[in-house]
Amino acid sequence: MSKETAVYTHGHHASVLRSHTWRTAANSAAYLLGELKPHMAVLDVGCGPGTITADLAALVPEGRVTGVDAAPGILDRARATAAERGLDNVEFAVADVHALDFPDATFCVAHAHQVLQHVGDPVQALRELRRVVKPGGIVAVRDSDYAAMTWYPQVPGLDDWHGLYQRVARANGGEPDAGRRLKSWALEAGFTDITATSSTWTYTTDEERAWWSGLWAERTTDSAYARRATEGGHADEAQLAEIADAWRTWGEAPDGWFAVLHGELLCRV
């Protein structure tokens, strides 16, 4: 596997899209929102089904948002999301973040949510984001950090999930503990004006636990991640079933609590 490429570990199974379509600018890009102005041109890299992209477009009504993703199929879903909201200032295209097909200094803001953990060369990706942003503009990135995820109660099978996911993600060419590395990557990419923060998603109510545990249980046995785990020799189907059961057990615990830590950067160009 070349350094410039990586396999998207999760794929776009329905269990994955339930998570992706839950994401909004408010719950996934709050650190960026104060920087947006109505006239801005925004690039949203790794846009997936387009829910964050559409929110960004609504926040720059006099500007334009371009959503790009490496997976062509998901862009039909993104276009439908924008159409459902009546947005006419957003467009979508296939793109590779390592080599973006845009001229220098095209955008006011380049945003990438949960992207750098899945790419082969995050430093080159950040250089490309910087290249396409105008002087004075912003590169905004946010990634989770799997090693920093924590939960209660300590259902043993979730430790197995934790280790398995990290093995599969790294075998695919990614870095699942990206959140803590963002600032280091940005410095290597040449940024000097960096604001680094963090935030969390927390799942603890009955509804949140059922949703989070359910999508991960299904993802563990039925998604592209499951196939990559078995085909890569990281786990067999029986082990995946046990991990899925552990997720359901955690989801049924009335005192259950799960926190996902994210690293965030605002990099001034």
C-alpha atoms as a PDB file:
ATOM      1  CA  MET A   1       0.000   0.000   0.000  1.00  0.00           C
ATOM      2  CA  SER A   2       1.523   3.319  -1.025  1.00  0.00           C
ATOM      3  CA  LYS A   3       1.879   6.097   1.496  1.00  0.00           C
ATOM      4  CA  GLU A   4      -0.575   8.267  -0.434  1.00  0.00           C
ATOM      5  CA  THR A   5      -3.440   5.776  -0.248  1.00  0.00           C
ATOM      6  CA  ALA A   6      -5.383   4.025   2.459  1.00  0.00           C
ATOM      7  CA  VAL A   7      -8.513   1.920   2.651  1.00  0.00           C
ATOM      8  CA  TYR A   8     -11.517   3.540   4.286  1.00  0.00           C
ATOM      9  CA  THR A   9     -11.964   1.109   7.158  1.00  0.00           C
ATOM     10  CA  HIS A  10     -15.668   1.618   7.827  1.00  0.00           C
ATOM     11  CA  GLY A  11     -17.108   1.609   4.321  1.00  0.00           C
ATOM     12  CA  HIS A  12     -20.652   2.909   3.797  1.00  0.00           C
ATOM     13  CA  HIS A  13     -22.824   0.170   5.255  1.00  0.00           C
ATOM     14  CA  ALA A  14     -26.185   1.305   6.672  1.00  0.00           C
ATOM     15  CA  SER A  15     -24.774   1.004  10.213  1.00  0.00           C
ATOM     16  CA  VAL A  16     -22.022   3.454   9.289  1.00  0.00           C
ATOM     17  CA  LEU A  17     -24.371   5.900   7.587  1.00  0.00           C
ATOM     18  CA  ARG A  18     -26.586   6.002  10.684  1.00  0.00           C
ATOM     19  CA  SER A  19     -23.614   7.541  12.450  1.00  0.00           C
ATOM     20  CA  HIS A  20     -22.548   9.788   9.579  1.00  0.00           C
ATOM     21  CA  THR A  21     -26.006  11.239   8.954  1.00  0.00           C
ATOM     22  CA  TRP A  22     -26.333  12.081  12.663  1.00  0.00           C
ATOM     23  CA  ARG A  23     -23.417  14.497  12.327  1.00  0.00           C
ATOM     24  CA  THR A  24     -24.123  18.212  12.091  1.00  0.00           C
ATOM     25  CA  ALA A  25     -22.023  21.349  12.039  1.00  0.00           C
ATOM     26  CA  ALA A  26     -23.133  21.958  15.628  1.00  0.00           C
ATOM     27  CA  ASN A  27     -22.078  18.568  17.017  1.00  0.00           C
ATOM     28  CA  SER A  28     -19.059  18.017  14.773  1.00  0.00           C
ATOM     29  CA  ALA A  29     -17.617  21.413  13.766  1.00  0.00           C
ATOM     30  CA  ALA A  30     -18.502  23.798  16.595  1.00  0.00           C
ATOM     31  CA  TYR A  31     -14.849  24.866  16.889  1.00  0.00           C
ATOM     32  CA  LEU A  32     -15.029  26.277  13.336  1.00  0.00           C
ATOM     33  CA  LEU A  33     -18.413  27.983  13.279  1.00  0.00           C
ATOM     34  CA  GLY A  34     -17.300  31.277  14.825  1.00  0.00           C
ATOM     35  CA  GLU A  35     -14.891  31.782  11.914  1.00  0.00           C
ATOM     36  CA  LEU A  36     -17.500  31.502   9.160  1.00  0.00           C
ATOM     37  CA  LYS A  37     -18.764  34.584   7.324  1.00  0.00           C
ATOM     38  CA  PRO A  38     -21.766  34.685   4.930  1.00  0.00           C
ATOM     39  CA  HIS A  39     -19.668  35.288   1.802  1.00  0.00           C
ATOM     40  CA  MET A  40     -17.095  32.530   2.264  1.00  0.00           C
ATOM     41  CA  ALA A  41     -16.112  29.798  -0.186  1.00  0.00           C
ATOM     42  CA  VAL A  42     -15.748  26.561   1.796  1.00  0.00           C
ATOM     43  CA  LEU A  43     -14.263  23.179   0.871  1.00  0.00           C
ATOM     44  CA  ASP A  44     -15.592  20.195   2.845  1.00  0.00           C
ATOM     45  CA  VAL A  45     -13.292  17.209   2.367  1.00  0.00           C
ATOM     46  CA  GLY A  46     -14.576  13.709   3.080  1.00  0.00           C
ATOM     47  CA  CYS A  47     -18.134  15.000   3.000  1.00  0.00           C
ATOM     48  CA  GLY A  48     -19.796  11.566   3.060  1.00  0.00           C
ATOM     49  CA  PRO A  49     -23.612  11.851   3.033  1.00  0.00           C
ATOM     50  CA  GLY A  50     -23.362  15.639   3.228  1.00  0.00           C
ATOM     51  CA  THR A  51     -25.122  16.538   6.469  1.00  0.00           C
ATOM     52  CA  ILE A  52     -22.259  18.708   7.741  1.00  0.00           C
ATOM     53  CA  THR A  53     -21.725  20.072   4.220  1.00  0.00           C
ATOM     54  CA  ALA A  54     -25.341  21.186   4.009  1.00  0.00           C
ATOM     55  CA  ASP A  55     -25.128  22.862   7.408  1.00  0.00           C
ATOM     56  CA  LEU A  56     -22.025  24.750   6.293  1.00  0.00           C
ATOM     57  CA  ALA A  57     -23.777  25.859   3.099  1.00  0.00           C
ATOM     58  CA  ALA A  58     -26.663  27.253   5.148  1.00  0.00           C
ATOM     59  CA  LEU A  59     -24.165  29.217   7.228  1.00  0.00           C
ATOM     60  CA  VAL A  60     -22.536  30.885   4.171  1.00  0.00           C
ATOM     61  CA  PRO A  61     -25.658  31.883   2.170  1.00  0.00           C
ATOM     62  CA  GLU A  62     -23.771  34.416   0.050  1.00  0.00           C
ATOM     63  CA  GLY A  63     -20.856  32.059  -0.509  1.00  0.00           C
ATOM     64  CA  ARG A  64     -20.453  28.520  -1.809  1.00  0.00           C
ATOM     65  CA  VAL A  65     -19.566  25.125  -0.381  1.00  0.00           C
ATOM     66  CA  THR A  66     -17.858  22.362  -2.333  1.00  0.00           C
ATOM     67  CA  GLY A  67     -18.124  18.902  -0.809  1.00  0.00           C
ATOM     68  CA  VAL A  68     -15.693  16.240  -1.995  1.00  0.00           C
ATOM     69  CA  ASP A  69     -15.232  12.577  -1.186  1.00  0.00           C
ATOM     70  CA  ALA A  70     -13.050   9.774  -2.493  1.00  0.00           C
ATOM     71  CA  ALA A  71     -16.074   7.441  -2.764  1.00  0.00           C
ATOM     72  CA  PRO A  72     -18.243   8.406  -5.770  1.00  0.00           C
ATOM     73  CA  GLY A  73     -21.292   6.452  -4.625  1.00  0.00           C
ATOM     74  CA  ILE A  74     -21.865   8.397  -1.422  1.00  0.00           C
ATOM     75  CA  LEU A  75     -22.088  11.698  -3.320  1.00  0.00           C
ATOM     76  CA  ASP A  76     -25.565  10.862  -4.619  1.00  0.00           C
ATOM     77  CA  ARG A  77     -26.688  10.750  -0.986  1.00  0.00           C
ATOM     78  CA  ALA A  78     -24.950  14.085  -0.342  1.00  0.00           C
ATOM     79  CA  ARG A  79     -26.652  15.716  -3.327  1.00  0.00           C
ATOM     80  CA  ALA A  80     -30.010  14.442  -2.101  1.00  0.00           C
ATOM     81  CA  THR A  81     -29.336  15.900   1.352  1.00  0.00           C
ATOM     82  CA  ALA A  82     -28.635  19.333  -0.144  1.00  0.00           C
ATOM     83  CA  ALA A  83     -31.671  19.129  -2.423  1.00  0.00           C
ATOM     84  CA  GLU A  84     -33.959  18.173   0.471  1.00  0.00           C
ATOM     85  CA  ARG A  85     -32.856  21.335   2.266  1.00  0.00           C
ATOM     86  CA  GLY A  86     -33.359  23.542  -0.791  1.00  0.00           C
ATOM     87  CA  LEU A  87     -29.712  24.618  -0.943  1.00  0.00           C
ATOM     88  CA  ASP A  88     -28.421  26.009  -4.234  1.00  0.00           C
ATOM     89  CA  ASN A  89     -24.956  27.118  -3.074  1.00  0.00           C
ATOM     90  CA  VAL A  90     -23.407  23.665  -2.707  1.00  0.00           C
ATOM     91  CA  GLU A  91     -21.814  21.260  -5.190  1.00  0.00           C
ATOM     92  CA  PHE A  92     -20.135  17.872  -4.898  1.00  0.00           C
ATOM     93  CA  ALA A  93     -17.250  16.119  -6.644  1.00  0.00           C
ATOM     94  CA  VAL A  94     -14.915  13.150  -6.327  1.00  0.00           C
ATOM     95  CA  ALA A  95     -11.474  14.100  -5.020  1.00  0.00           C
ATOM     96  CA  ASP A  96      -8.314  12.730  -3.416  1.00  0.00           C
ATOM     97  CA  VAL A  97      -7.201  14.906  -0.508  1.00  0.00           C
ATOM     98  CA  HIS A  98      -3.554  14.122  -1.325  1.00  0.00           C
ATOM     99  CA  ALA A  99      -3.913  15.828  -4.732  1.00  0.00           C
ATOM    100  CA  LEU A 100      -6.894  18.168  -4.899  1.00  0.00           C
ATOM    101  CA  ASP A 101      -8.029  19.272  -8.348  1.00  0.00           C
ATOM    102  CA  PHE A 102      -8.418  22.941  -7.412  1.00  0.00           C
ATOM    103  CA  PRO A 103      -6.162  25.932  -8.115  1.00  0.00           C
ATOM    104  CA  ASP A 104      -4.093  27.517  -5.364  1.00  0.00           C
ATOM    105  CA  ALA A 105      -5.937  29.932  -3.064  1.00  0.00           C
ATOM    106  CA  THR A 106      -9.442  28.893  -4.145  1.00  0.00           C
ATOM    107  CA  PHE A 107     -11.224  28.692  -0.784  1.00  0.00           C
ATOM    108  CA  CYS A 108     -11.604  30.760   2.358  1.00  0.00           C
ATOM    109  CA  VAL A 109     -11.930  27.640   4.512  1.00  0.00           C
ATOM    110  CA  ALA A 110     -10.987  23.987   4.008  1.00  0.00           C
ATOM    111  CA  HIS A 111     -12.664  21.638   6.461  1.00  0.00           C
ATOM    112  CA  ALA A 112     -12.054  17.920   7.021  1.00  0.00           C
ATOM    113  CA  HIS A 113     -13.955  15.946   9.645  1.00  0.00           C
ATOM    114  CA  GLN A 114     -12.739  12.426  10.529  1.00  0.00           C
ATOM    115  CA  VAL A 115     -10.575  12.301   7.408  1.00  0.00           C
ATOM    116  CA  LEU A 116      -6.909  12.403   8.390  1.00  0.00           C
ATOM    117  CA  GLN A 117      -7.163   9.197  10.436  1.00  0.00           C
ATOM    118  CA  HIS A 118      -8.067   7.333   7.241  1.00  0.00           C
ATOM    119  CA  VAL A 119      -5.526   8.680   4.731  1.00  0.00           C
ATOM    120  CA  GLY A 120      -2.125   7.331   3.830  1.00  0.00           C
ATOM    121  CA  ASP A 121      -0.224  10.619   4.216  1.00  0.00           C
ATOM    122  CA  PRO A 122      -1.953  13.089   6.560  1.00  0.00           C
ATOM    123  CA  VAL A 123       0.901  15.588   6.298  1.00  0.00           C
ATOM    124  CA  GLN A 124       0.576  15.747   2.507  1.00  0.00           C
ATOM    125  CA  ALA A 125      -3.196  16.054   2.920  1.00  0.00           C
ATOM    126  CA  LEU A 126      -2.699  19.068   5.184  1.00  0.00           C
ATOM    127  CA  ARG A 127      -0.289  20.606   2.689  1.00  0.00           C
ATOM    128  CA  GLU A 128      -2.931  20.250  -0.017  1.00  0.00           C
ATOM    129  CA  LEU A 129      -5.579  21.830   2.191  1.00  0.00           C
ATOM    130  CA  ARG A 130      -3.240  24.740   2.868  1.00  0.00           C
ATOM    131  CA  ARG A 131      -2.467  25.104  -0.849  1.00  0.00           C
ATOM    132  CA  VAL A 132      -6.095  25.552  -1.864  1.00  0.00           C
ATOM    133  CA  VAL A 133      -6.882  28.076   0.900  1.00  0.00           C
ATOM    134  CA  LYS A 134      -6.412  31.813   0.382  1.00  0.00           C
ATOM    135  CA  PRO A 135      -3.897  33.740   2.519  1.00  0.00           C
ATOM    136  CA  GLY A 136      -5.591  34.583   5.801  1.00  0.00           C
ATOM    137  CA  GLY A 137      -7.980  31.673   5.403  1.00  0.00           C
ATOM    138  CA  ILE A 138      -8.385  28.623   7.625  1.00  0.00           C
ATOM    139  CA  VAL A 139      -7.743  24.908   7.463  1.00  0.00           C
ATOM    140  CA  ALA A 140      -9.982  23.185  10.027  1.00  0.00           C
ATOM    141  CA  VAL A 141      -9.546  19.502  10.900  1.00  0.00           C
ATOM    142  CA  ARG A 142     -11.129  17.287  13.552  1.00  0.00           C
ATOM    143  CA  ASP A 143     -10.371  13.631  14.226  1.00  0.00           C
ATOM    144  CA  SER A 144     -11.236  11.161  16.935  1.00  0.00           C
ATOM    145  CA  ASP A 145      -8.593   9.357  18.981  1.00  0.00           C
ATOM    146  CA  TYR A 146      -9.432   5.693  19.526  1.00  0.00           C
ATOM    147  CA  ALA A 147      -6.865   5.108  22.265  1.00  0.00           C
ATOM    148  CA  ALA A 148      -8.456   7.918  24.275  1.00  0.00           C
ATOM    149  CA  MET A 149     -12.008   6.549  24.013  1.00  0.00           C
ATOM    150  CA  THR A 150     -13.314   5.430  27.382  1.00  0.00           C
ATOM    151  CA  TRP A 151     -16.434   3.745  28.695  1.00  0.00           C
ATOM    152  CA  TYR A 152     -18.205   2.215  31.649  1.00  0.00           C
ATOM    153  CA  PRO A 153     -19.010  -0.479  32.637  1.00  0.00           C
ATOM    154  CA  GLN A 154     -15.879  -2.318  31.542  1.00  0.00           C
ATOM    155  CA  VAL A 155     -17.486  -5.031  29.466  1.00  0.00           C
ATOM    156  CA  PRO A 156     -14.522  -7.313  28.588  1.00  0.00           C
ATOM    157  CA  GLY A 157     -15.494  -7.728  24.942  1.00  0.00           C
ATOM    158  CA  LEU A 158     -15.168  -3.983  24.335  1.00  0.00           C
ATOM    159  CA  ASP A 159     -11.455  -4.226  25.106  1.00  0.00           C
ATOM    160  CA  ASP A 160     -11.314  -6.822  22.318  1.00  0.00           C
ATOM    161  CA  TRP A 161     -13.188  -4.415  20.010  1.00  0.00           C
ATOM    162  CA  HIS A 162     -10.794  -1.602  20.893  1.00  0.00           C
ATOM    163  CA  GLY A 163      -7.705  -3.585  20.001  1.00  0.00           C
ATOM    164  CA  LEU A 164      -9.264  -5.122  16.907  1.00  0.00           C
ATOM    165  CA  TYR A 165     -10.372  -1.820  15.431  1.00  0.00           C
ATOM    166  CA  GLN A 166      -6.911  -0.323  15.861  1.00  0.00           C
ATOM    167  CA  ARG A 167      -5.261  -3.330  14.207  1.00  0.00           C
ATOM    168  CA  VAL A 168      -7.642  -3.259  11.252  1.00  0.00           C
ATOM    169  CA  ALA A 169      -7.347   0.511  10.769  1.00  0.00           C
ATOM    170  CA  ARG A 170      -3.549   0.432  10.796  1.00  0.00           C
ATOM    171  CA  ALA A 171      -3.459  -2.530   8.419  1.00  0.00           C
ATOM    172  CA  ASN A 172      -5.571  -0.418   6.066  1.00  0.00           C
ATOM    173  CA  GLY A 173      -2.966   2.361   6.139  1.00  0.00           C
ATOM    174  CA  GLY A 174      -4.663   4.706   8.605  1.00  0.00           C
ATOM    175  CA  GLU A 175      -3.904   6.042  12.100  1.00  0.00           C
ATOM    176  CA  PRO A 176      -6.827   5.546  14.513  1.00  0.00           C
ATOM    177  CA  ASP A 177      -5.187   7.672  17.221  1.00  0.00           C
ATOM    178  CA  ALA A 178      -5.140  10.688  14.926  1.00  0.00           C
ATOM    179  CA  GLY A 179      -6.662  13.204  17.339  1.00  0.00           C
ATOM    180  CA  ARG A 180      -3.509  13.548  19.437  1.00  0.00           C
ATOM    181  CA  ARG A 181      -1.307  13.772  16.337  1.00  0.00           C
ATOM    182  CA  LEU A 182      -3.070  16.581  14.479  1.00  0.00           C
ATOM    183  CA  LYS A 183      -0.891  19.391  15.791  1.00  0.00           C
ATOM    184  CA  SER A 184       2.280  17.427  15.079  1.00  0.00           C
ATOM    185  CA  TRP A 185       1.130  16.750  11.518  1.00  0.00           C
ATOM    186  CA  ALA A 186       0.179  20.390  10.998  1.00  0.00           C
ATOM    187  CA  LEU A 187       3.579  21.599  12.156  1.00  0.00           C
ATOM    188  CA  GLU A 188       5.253  19.140   9.788  1.00  0.00           C
ATOM    189  CA  ALA A 189       3.017  20.422   6.993  1.00  0.00           C
ATOM    190  CA  GLY A 190       4.352  23.936   7.556  1.00  0.00           C
ATOM    191  CA  PHE A 191       1.601  25.627   9.542  1.00  0.00           C
ATOM    192  CA  THR A 192       2.757  28.095  12.186  1.00  0.00           C
ATOM    193  CA  ASP A 193      -0.493  29.744  13.342  1.00  0.00           C
ATOM    194  CA  ILE A 194      -2.350  26.829  14.962  1.00  0.00           C
ATOM    195  CA  THR A 195      -5.133  26.778  17.542  1.00  0.00           C
ATOM    196  CA  ALA A 196      -5.501  23.284  18.979  1.00  0.00           C
ATOM    197  CA  THR A 197      -8.557  22.271  21.014  1.00  0.00           C
ATOM    198  CA  SER A 198     -10.537  19.152  21.856  1.00  0.00           C
ATOM    199  CA  SER A 199     -14.149  18.138  22.361  1.00  0.00           C
ATOM    200  CA  THR A 200     -16.153  14.980  22.963  1.00  0.00           C
ATOM    201  CA  TRP A 201     -19.209  13.052  21.949  1.00  0.00           C
ATOM    202  CA  THR A 202     -20.793  11.353  24.964  1.00  0.00           C
ATOM    203  CA  TYR A 203     -23.427   8.615  24.868  1.00  0.00           C
ATOM    204  CA  THR A 204     -25.232   7.764  28.106  1.00  0.00           C
ATOM    205  CA  THR A 205     -29.029   8.088  27.923  1.00  0.00           C
ATOM    206  CA  ASP A 206     -31.094   4.994  27.136  1.00  0.00           C
ATOM    207  CA  GLU A 207     -31.642   6.241  23.589  1.00  0.00           C
ATOM    208  CA  GLU A 208     -27.982   7.179  23.037  1.00  0.00           C
ATOM    209  CA  ARG A 209     -26.707   3.849  24.353  1.00  0.00           C
ATOM    210  CA  ALA A 210     -29.141   1.889  22.208  1.00  0.00           C
ATOM    211  CA  TRP A 211     -28.150   3.869  19.109  1.00  0.00           C
ATOM    212  CA  TRP A 212     -24.371   3.770  19.651  1.00  0.00           C
ATOM    213  CA  SER A 213     -24.188   0.139  20.741  1.00  0.00           C
ATOM    214  CA  GLY A 214     -26.563  -0.969  18.013  1.00  0.00           C
ATOM    215  CA  LEU A 215     -24.683   0.620  15.163  1.00  0.00           C
ATOM    216  CA  TRP A 216     -21.349  -0.735  16.408  1.00  0.00           C
ATOM    217  CA  ALA A 217     -22.760  -4.220  16.966  1.00  0.00           C
ATOM    218  CA  GLU A 218     -24.073  -4.260  13.393  1.00  0.00           C
ATOM    219  CA  ARG A 219     -20.909  -2.687  12.011  1.00  0.00           C
ATOM    220  CA  THR A 220     -18.822  -5.373  13.733  1.00  0.00           C
ATOM    221  CA  THR A 221     -20.570  -8.245  11.933  1.00  0.00           C
ATOM    222  CA  ASP A 222     -22.035  -6.835   8.711  1.00  0.00           C
ATOM    223  CA  SER A 223     -19.985  -3.920   7.351  1.00  0.00           C
ATOM    224  CA  ALA A 224     -16.855  -3.502   5.254  1.00  0.00           C
ATOM    225  CA  TYR A 225     -14.961  -3.219   8.546  1.00  0.00           C
ATOM    226  CA  ALA A 226     -16.120  -6.748   9.458  1.00  0.00           C
ATOM    227  CA  ARG A 227     -15.011  -8.100   6.088  1.00  0.00           C
ATOM    228  CA  ARG A 228     -11.622  -6.429   6.393  1.00  0.00           C
ATOM    229  CA  ALA A 229     -11.198  -7.830   9.895  1.00  0.00           C
ATOM    230  CA  THR A 230     -11.779 -11.408   8.729  1.00  0.00           C
ATOM    231  CA  GLU A 231     -10.025 -11.189   5.364  1.00  0.00           C
ATOM    232  CA  GLY A 232      -7.007  -9.589   7.028  1.00  0.00           C
ATOM    233  CA  GLY A 233      -6.760 -12.390   9.574  1.00  0.00           C
ATOM    234  CA  HIS A 234      -7.430 -10.072  12.525  1.00  0.00           C
ATOM    235  CA  ALA A 235     -10.520 -11.944  13.774  1.00  0.00           C
ATOM    236  CA  ASP A 236     -12.891 -14.725  12.751  1.00  0.00           C
ATOM    237  CA  GLU A 237     -16.669 -14.548  12.543  1.00  0.00           C
ATOM    238  CA  ALA A 238     -17.142 -16.102  15.975  1.00  0.00           C
ATOM    239  CA  GLN A 239     -14.912 -13.445  17.559  1.00  0.00           C
ATOM    240  CA  LEU A 240     -16.804 -10.691  15.761  1.00  0.00           C
ATOM    241  CA  ALA A 241     -20.095 -12.101  17.036  1.00  0.00           C
ATOM    242  CA  GLU A 242     -18.751 -12.066  20.592  1.00  0.00           C
ATOM    243  CA  ILE A 243     -17.698  -8.432  20.224  1.00  0.00           C
ATOM    244  CA  ALA A 244     -21.120  -7.525  18.836  1.00  0.00           C
ATOM    245  CA  ASP A 245     -22.724  -9.200  21.876  1.00  0.00           C
ATOM    246  CA  ALA A 246     -20.429  -7.165  24.132  1.00  0.00           C
ATOM    247  CA  TRP A 247     -21.684  -3.979  22.491  1.00  0.00           C
ATOM    248  CA  ARG A 248     -25.286  -5.016  23.129  1.00  0.00           C
ATOM    249  CA  THR A 249     -24.464  -5.865  26.748  1.00  0.00           C
ATOM    250  CA  TRP A 250     -22.940  -2.425  27.262  1.00  0.00           C
ATOM    251  CA  GLY A 251     -25.935  -0.785  25.586  1.00  0.00           C
ATOM    252  CA  GLU A 252     -28.318  -2.449  28.023  1.00  0.00           C
ATOM    253  CA  ALA A 253     -26.432  -1.231  31.117  1.00  0.00           C
ATOM    254  CA  PRO A 254     -28.458   1.567  32.779  1.00  0.00           C
ATOM    255  CA  ASP A 255     -25.208   3.127  34.055  1.00  0.00           C
ATOM    256  CA  GLY A 256     -23.522   2.871  30.662  1.00  0.00           C
ATOM    257  CA  TRP A 257     -21.361   5.796  29.524  1.00  0.00           C
ATOM    258  CA  PHE A 258     -19.118   6.159  26.464  1.00  0.00           C
ATOM    259  CA  ALA A 259     -16.955   9.154  25.525  1.00  0.00           C
ATOM    260  CA  VAL A 260     -15.232   9.814  22.193  1.00  0.00           C
ATOM    261  CA  LEU A 261     -12.382  12.349  22.373  1.00  0.00           C
ATOM    262  CA  HIS A 262     -11.599  14.482  19.303  1.00  0.00           C
ATOM    263  CA  GLY A 263      -8.579  16.608  18.528  1.00  0.00           C
ATOM    264  CA  GLU A 264      -9.351  19.821  16.623  1.00  0.00           C
ATOM    265  CA  LEU A 265      -7.212  22.370  14.788  1.00  0.00           C
ATOM    266  CA  LEU A 266      -7.796  25.794  13.308  1.00  0.00           C
ATOM    267  CA  CYS A 267      -4.742  26.521  11.146  1.00  0.00           C
ATOM    268  CA  ARG A 268      -4.406  30.049   9.761  1.00  0.00           C
ATOM    269  CA  VAL A 269      -2.846  30.126   6.295  1.00  0.00           C
END
